[in-house]
Amino acid sequence: MRRGPRRALAVLFALAVVAGAGAALHGQDWSVLLGLLHGGSLVALLAAVLVTAAGLLCGTRSWMLTLSAIAVPVPARTGTRMFFVGFLGKFVPGRVWGLIAQIRMGEQAGATKAQMAGTYLVNLVIVLLTGGAVGMLVAPALLADGAWWLLLPLALLAVLAARPDLIHALACLAARIARRPPPATPGRPRDLRRSIVYQTLSWVLSGLHVWVIAVLLGAEPLPALPAAVGGFALATVGGTLVVFAPDGAGVRELLLAPALATVLPWPTAVAAALVSRVLTLLAELTTSGAALGAVALHGRRTVPAPLRKRTAA
């Protein structure tokens, strides 16, 4: 593709992402967030954004390990660019545009369309299963005598780590239901195990920002921790499954509020869910922009000057 049309597509994609992000924030009640922006709470909110960014980077690493297991290993810069372009596609209704871009970039990196589609499917299974496992942390707060539920996430994660072939089997089942070709058998099971670990860590780190918000709004720190982390994981999984909503807008808040209502009054729990949306979006857009900018800048520096001039011409 020529440089002009490629730039035009990049601009259109960026505009679509901005529009999707705007739709996700439309109608938000900013009064609660503005009320938290004072004194020590500002530092806590900034820390929450940074921890969420760290969780996103763990998710990036998980996806790259899945790509290595199903398709081909790629350099860190290439994998980072592929991941974040696909990740930003979740803000565009339909969510297929990011995958299309990933497939295109994957072909340039030596992977086939089938391998990239298989990577997407296997990664989705990992995200949903680990998210569901971490989400079980909220069960004791929602269910009477539910403390034993805490054993389930540990058991599920242990089974997945010991038998990563189960993930491939579930991905094949999903492909069969969708009448798509099954993903390739993982050539690097160890990378798939590491992907599970990184994605689990991503869920835990990403959910900590909800805990910070809940504590700032008056929740007891210890009971609020599993409710916040588990509730965020379950709510995000639910939002992921609703493909027509940009980044699960509205769905995630609807599912997160009941979990937070176990440690906060209902109106405050709803407000905390809305603040979570704002902080998460801030962390995701900032991290994505910084990562893609760093990759582009590094690529610019490594291209010889004469070649840059010819390309620009």
Protein backbone atom coordinates (compact mmCIF):
# COMPACT_ATOMS: atom_id res chain seq x y z
CA MET A 1 0.00 0.00 0.00
CA ARG A 2 1.26 3.47 -0.86
CA ARG A 3 2.30 5.78 1.93
CA GLY A 4 -0.52 8.30 1.29
CA PRO A 5 -3.45 5.86 1.56
CA ARG A 6 -1.76 4.16 4.52
CA ARG A 7 -1.55 7.46 6.37
CA ALA A 8 -5.17 8.21 5.52
CA LEU A 9 -6.26 4.85 6.95
CA ALA A 10 -4.20 5.49 10.09
CA VAL A 11 -5.87 8.88 10.53
CA LEU A 12 -9.34 7.40 10.01
CA PHE A 13 -8.61 4.66 12.53
CA ALA A 14 -7.36 7.21 15.07
CA LEU A 15 -10.49 9.31 14.58
CA ALA A 16 -12.67 6.25 15.05
CA VAL A 17 -10.83 5.39 18.28
CA VAL A 18 -11.31 8.95 19.56
CA ALA A 19 -15.00 8.81 18.67
CA GLY A 20 -15.37 5.46 20.43
CA ALA A 21 -13.56 6.73 23.53
CA GLY A 22 -15.81 9.78 23.52
CA ALA A 23 -18.87 7.54 23.32
CA ALA A 24 -17.59 5.55 26.30
CA LEU A 25 -17.34 8.75 28.33
CA HIS A 26 -20.60 10.25 27.12
CA GLY A 27 -23.02 10.99 29.92
CA GLN A 28 -20.54 10.30 32.71
CA ASP A 29 -21.09 12.06 36.04
CA TRP A 30 -17.85 13.96 36.58
CA SER A 31 -18.84 15.42 39.95
CA VAL A 32 -17.61 12.42 41.96
CA LEU A 33 -14.23 12.38 40.22
CA LEU A 34 -13.82 16.13 40.63
CA GLY A 35 -14.68 15.74 44.31
CA LEU A 36 -11.82 13.26 44.71
CA LEU A 37 -9.24 15.55 43.11
CA HIS A 38 -7.79 17.07 46.25
CA GLY A 39 -4.88 16.57 48.62
CA GLY A 40 -3.60 13.04 49.10
CA SER A 41 -6.37 11.53 46.98
CA LEU A 42 -4.79 13.00 43.87
CA VAL A 43 -1.61 11.03 44.54
CA ALA A 44 -3.64 7.88 45.16
CA LEU A 45 -5.56 8.34 41.89
CA LEU A 46 -2.34 8.89 39.97
CA ALA A 47 -0.92 5.69 41.50
CA ALA A 48 -4.13 3.90 40.46
CA VAL A 49 -3.65 5.04 36.86
CA LEU A 50 -0.02 3.88 36.89
CA VAL A 51 -0.93 0.46 38.29
CA THR A 52 -3.63 0.11 35.63
CA ALA A 53 -1.03 0.96 32.99
CA ALA A 54 1.23 -1.76 34.44
CA GLY A 55 -1.66 -4.20 34.16
CA LEU A 56 -2.11 -3.29 30.52
CA LEU A 57 1.58 -3.90 29.86
CA CYS A 58 1.24 -7.35 31.45
CA GLY A 59 -1.66 -7.97 29.07
CA THR A 60 0.60 -6.90 26.21
CA ARG A 61 3.21 -9.43 27.25
CA SER A 62 0.54 -12.13 27.54
CA TRP A 63 -0.65 -11.48 23.99
CA MET A 64 2.89 -11.55 22.61
CA LEU A 65 3.54 -14.90 24.31
CA THR A 66 0.32 -16.27 22.81
CA LEU A 67 1.45 -15.03 19.39
CA SER A 68 4.76 -16.81 19.91
CA ALA A 69 2.99 -20.04 20.88
CA ILE A 70 0.42 -20.07 18.06
CA ALA A 71 2.13 -18.21 15.23
CA VAL A 72 5.68 -16.81 15.29
CA PRO A 73 7.80 -14.98 17.84
CA VAL A 74 8.27 -11.34 16.89
CA PRO A 75 10.58 -8.58 18.18
CA ALA A 76 9.26 -6.66 21.17
CA ARG A 77 8.74 -3.44 19.18
CA THR A 78 6.79 -5.24 16.45
CA GLY A 79 4.66 -7.12 18.96
CA THR A 80 3.98 -3.97 20.97
CA ARG A 81 2.78 -2.12 17.88
CA MET A 82 0.60 -5.03 16.78
CA PHE A 83 -0.97 -5.41 20.21
CA PHE A 84 -1.84 -1.77 20.81
CA VAL A 85 -3.27 -1.22 17.34
CA GLY A 86 -5.53 -4.21 17.93
CA PHE A 87 -6.25 -3.08 21.48
CA LEU A 88 -7.40 0.36 20.39
CA GLY A 89 -9.77 -1.33 17.97
CA LYS A 90 -12.03 -2.17 20.92
CA PHE A 91 -13.17 1.45 20.94
CA VAL A 92 -14.51 1.08 17.39
CA PRO A 93 -17.98 -0.52 17.21
CA GLY A 94 -17.77 -4.07 15.90
CA ARG A 95 -14.20 -4.52 17.16
CA VAL A 96 -13.09 -6.21 13.94
CA TRP A 97 -10.98 -3.34 12.65
CA GLY A 98 -8.22 -3.84 15.17
CA LEU A 99 -8.08 -7.54 14.31
CA ILE A 100 -7.91 -6.74 10.59
CA ALA A 101 -4.99 -4.40 11.25
CA GLN A 102 -3.27 -7.06 13.38
CA ILE A 103 -3.66 -9.63 10.62
CA ARG A 104 -2.14 -7.21 8.13
CA MET A 105 0.82 -6.48 10.39
CA GLY A 106 1.18 -10.16 11.23
CA GLU A 107 1.58 -11.02 7.57
CA GLN A 108 4.36 -8.46 7.34
CA ALA A 109 6.03 -10.15 10.33
CA GLY A 110 5.86 -13.60 8.72
CA ALA A 111 2.61 -14.98 10.16
CA THR A 112 -0.31 -16.22 8.09
CA LYS A 113 -3.88 -14.96 8.34
CA ALA A 114 -4.91 -18.26 9.92
CA GLN A 115 -2.16 -17.97 12.55
CA MET A 116 -3.18 -14.41 13.45
CA ALA A 117 -6.85 -15.38 13.67
CA GLY A 118 -5.86 -18.36 15.82
CA THR A 119 -3.79 -16.10 18.08
CA TYR A 120 -6.78 -13.81 18.52
CA LEU A 121 -9.06 -16.70 19.42
CA VAL A 122 -6.66 -18.38 21.85
CA ASN A 123 -5.84 -15.05 23.50
CA LEU A 124 -9.57 -14.34 23.87
CA VAL A 125 -10.04 -17.69 25.63
CA ILE A 126 -7.14 -16.91 27.97
CA VAL A 127 -8.54 -13.46 28.74
CA LEU A 128 -12.03 -14.79 29.46
CA LEU A 129 -10.90 -17.78 31.55
CA THR A 130 -8.39 -15.88 33.67
CA GLY A 131 -10.83 -12.99 34.03
CA GLY A 132 -13.50 -15.40 35.21
CA ALA A 133 -11.07 -17.00 37.65
CA VAL A 134 -10.01 -13.68 39.16
CA GLY A 135 -13.65 -12.59 39.14
CA MET A 136 -14.48 -15.41 41.56
CA LEU A 137 -12.76 -13.35 44.25
CA VAL A 138 -15.98 -11.40 44.62
CA ALA A 139 -18.06 -14.53 45.31
CA PRO A 140 -17.69 -14.52 49.13
CA ALA A 141 -19.09 -10.98 49.25
CA LEU A 142 -22.03 -11.78 46.97
CA LEU A 143 -22.91 -15.25 48.23
CA ALA A 144 -23.74 -16.40 51.74
CA ASP A 145 -21.12 -18.75 53.18
CA GLY A 146 -19.16 -18.33 49.96
CA ALA A 147 -15.63 -18.30 51.36
CA TRP A 148 -14.92 -21.69 49.78
CA TRP A 149 -15.34 -20.05 46.37
CA LEU A 150 -11.88 -18.56 46.86
CA LEU A 151 -10.46 -22.01 46.20
CA LEU A 152 -11.98 -22.14 42.72
CA PRO A 153 -9.86 -19.45 41.04
CA LEU A 154 -6.70 -21.05 42.37
CA ALA A 155 -7.84 -24.47 41.17
CA LEU A 156 -8.85 -23.19 37.74
CA LEU A 157 -5.61 -21.30 37.19
CA ALA A 158 -3.58 -24.31 38.35
CA VAL A 159 -5.41 -26.56 35.88
CA LEU A 160 -4.87 -24.10 33.02
CA ALA A 161 -1.16 -23.79 33.82
CA ALA A 162 -0.75 -27.56 34.03
CA ARG A 163 -2.83 -28.31 30.93
CA PRO A 164 -2.53 -25.42 28.44
CA ASP A 165 -3.86 -27.78 25.79
CA LEU A 166 -7.30 -27.26 27.37
CA ILE A 167 -7.17 -23.64 26.21
CA HIS A 168 -6.44 -24.81 22.69
CA ALA A 169 -9.32 -27.29 22.90
CA LEU A 170 -11.74 -24.55 24.00
CA ALA A 171 -10.48 -22.28 21.23
CA CYS A 172 -11.09 -25.07 18.70
CA LEU A 173 -14.61 -25.52 20.09
CA ALA A 174 -15.29 -21.79 19.73
CA ALA A 175 -13.96 -21.89 16.17
CA ARG A 176 -16.21 -24.82 15.35
CA ILE A 177 -19.26 -23.00 16.73
CA ALA A 178 -18.34 -19.92 14.71
CA ARG A 179 -17.67 -22.13 11.66
CA ARG A 180 -14.08 -20.94 11.44
CA PRO A 181 -10.86 -22.90 10.94
CA PRO A 182 -9.40 -24.12 14.26
CA PRO A 183 -6.25 -22.43 15.56
CA ALA A 184 -2.92 -24.16 15.07
CA THR A 185 -1.67 -26.44 17.84
CA PRO A 186 0.63 -24.42 20.13
CA GLY A 187 4.24 -25.02 19.19
CA ARG A 188 5.47 -23.49 22.45
CA PRO A 189 3.35 -24.71 25.39
CA ARG A 190 5.70 -22.99 27.82
CA ASP A 191 4.87 -19.62 26.25
CA LEU A 192 1.17 -20.38 26.64
CA ARG A 193 1.68 -21.09 30.35
CA ARG A 194 3.55 -17.82 30.77
CA SER A 195 0.77 -16.06 28.89
CA ILE A 196 -1.73 -17.33 31.48
CA VAL A 197 0.44 -16.02 34.31
CA TYR A 198 0.86 -12.58 32.75
CA GLN A 199 -2.83 -12.25 31.94
CA THR A 200 -3.79 -13.21 35.49
CA LEU A 201 -1.38 -10.60 36.83
CA SER A 202 -2.88 -8.11 34.38
CA TRP A 203 -6.35 -8.65 35.85
CA VAL A 204 -5.14 -8.22 39.41
CA LEU A 205 -3.17 -5.05 38.70
CA SER A 206 -5.93 -3.55 36.57
CA GLY A 207 -8.52 -4.12 39.29
CA LEU A 208 -6.49 -2.36 41.97
CA HIS A 209 -7.59 1.05 40.71
CA VAL A 210 -11.17 0.17 41.66
CA TRP A 211 -9.98 -0.71 45.15
CA VAL A 212 -8.27 2.70 45.44
CA ILE A 213 -11.47 4.44 44.36
CA ALA A 214 -13.60 2.42 46.78
CA VAL A 215 -11.30 3.17 49.73
CA LEU A 216 -11.26 6.88 48.87
CA LEU A 217 -15.06 6.81 48.89
CA GLY A 218 -15.17 5.26 52.36
CA ALA A 219 -14.97 1.47 51.93
CA GLU A 220 -13.05 -0.65 54.42
CA PRO A 221 -9.73 -1.55 52.72
CA LEU A 222 -9.61 -5.30 53.41
CA PRO A 223 -13.19 -6.28 52.41
CA ALA A 224 -13.02 -3.92 49.44
CA LEU A 225 -9.96 -5.59 47.88
CA PRO A 226 -11.56 -8.84 46.59
CA ALA A 227 -14.81 -7.04 45.76
CA ALA A 228 -12.97 -4.46 43.66
CA VAL A 229 -10.48 -6.74 41.89
CA GLY A 230 -12.94 -9.59 41.33
CA GLY A 231 -15.80 -7.29 40.42
CA PHE A 232 -13.69 -5.42 37.86
CA ALA A 233 -12.54 -8.66 36.23
CA LEU A 234 -16.07 -10.03 35.92
CA ALA A 235 -17.47 -6.72 34.71
CA THR A 236 -14.75 -6.35 32.07
CA VAL A 237 -15.30 -9.91 30.84
CA GLY A 238 -19.01 -9.13 30.51
CA GLY A 239 -18.26 -5.93 28.64
CA THR A 240 -15.89 -7.78 26.31
CA LEU A 241 -18.66 -10.14 25.26
CA VAL A 242 -20.94 -7.24 24.25
CA VAL A 243 -19.31 -6.40 20.94
CA PHE A 244 -21.65 -3.59 19.91
CA ALA A 245 -20.68 -1.34 22.85
CA PRO A 246 -17.36 0.52 22.50
CA ASP A 247 -15.16 -0.92 25.26
CA GLY A 248 -18.26 -2.37 26.91
CA ALA A 249 -19.53 1.12 27.76
CA GLY A 250 -22.46 0.93 30.15
CA VAL A 251 -22.29 -2.85 30.47
CA ARG A 252 -19.16 -2.85 32.59
CA GLU A 253 -20.52 -0.22 34.96
CA LEU A 254 -23.80 -2.12 35.26
CA LEU A 255 -21.94 -5.27 36.31
CA LEU A 256 -19.33 -3.59 38.52
CA ALA A 257 -21.74 -1.60 40.68
CA PRO A 258 -23.35 -4.63 42.42
CA ALA A 259 -19.92 -5.96 43.43
CA LEU A 260 -18.96 -2.58 44.89
CA ALA A 261 -22.36 -2.32 46.60
CA THR A 262 -21.18 -5.05 48.98
CA VAL A 263 -18.73 -2.57 50.52
CA LEU A 264 -20.31 0.79 49.62
CA PRO A 265 -23.82 2.27 49.63
CA TRP A 266 -25.50 1.71 46.26
CA PRO A 267 -25.33 5.35 45.02
CA THR A 268 -21.64 5.50 45.96
CA ALA A 269 -20.98 2.13 44.29
CA VAL A 270 -22.50 3.44 41.04
CA ALA A 271 -20.37 6.57 41.29
CA ALA A 272 -17.25 4.45 41.89
CA ALA A 273 -18.00 2.40 38.77
CA LEU A 274 -18.26 5.60 36.72
CA VAL A 275 -14.97 6.93 38.10
CA SER A 276 -13.40 3.58 37.25
CA ARG A 277 -14.40 4.08 33.61
CA VAL A 278 -12.67 7.47 33.49
CA LEU A 279 -9.44 6.31 35.16
CA THR A 280 -9.26 3.15 33.06
CA LEU A 281 -9.75 5.07 29.84
CA LEU A 282 -7.10 7.59 30.85
CA ALA A 283 -4.61 4.81 31.61
CA GLU A 284 -5.37 2.89 28.42
CA LEU A 285 -5.16 5.83 26.04
CA THR A 286 -2.04 7.23 27.69
CA THR A 287 -0.26 3.87 27.72
CA SER A 288 -1.28 3.06 24.15
CA GLY A 289 -0.15 6.45 22.89
CA ALA A 290 3.15 6.28 24.75
CA ALA A 291 3.87 2.73 23.56
CA LEU A 292 3.04 3.42 19.91
CA GLY A 293 4.92 6.71 20.03
CA ALA A 294 8.02 5.05 21.49
CA VAL A 295 7.93 2.32 18.83
CA ALA A 296 7.54 4.87 16.03
CA LEU A 297 10.33 7.04 17.41
CA HIS A 298 12.69 4.08 17.74
CA GLY A 299 11.88 2.97 14.19
CA ARG A 300 12.56 6.47 12.93
CA ARG A 301 15.94 6.52 14.62
CA THR A 302 17.00 3.11 13.30
CA VAL A 303 16.17 3.87 9.64
CA PRO A 304 19.25 5.24 7.81
CA ALA A 305 18.98 8.93 6.94
CA PRO A 306 19.15 8.46 3.13
CA LEU A 307 16.33 5.91 3.30
CA ARG A 308 14.22 8.29 5.40
CA LYS A 309 14.70 10.99 2.80
CA ARG A 310 13.69 8.69 -0.05
CA THR A 311 10.64 7.52 1.92
CA ALA A 312 9.61 11.07 2.71
CA ALA A 313 9.98 12.02 -0.94
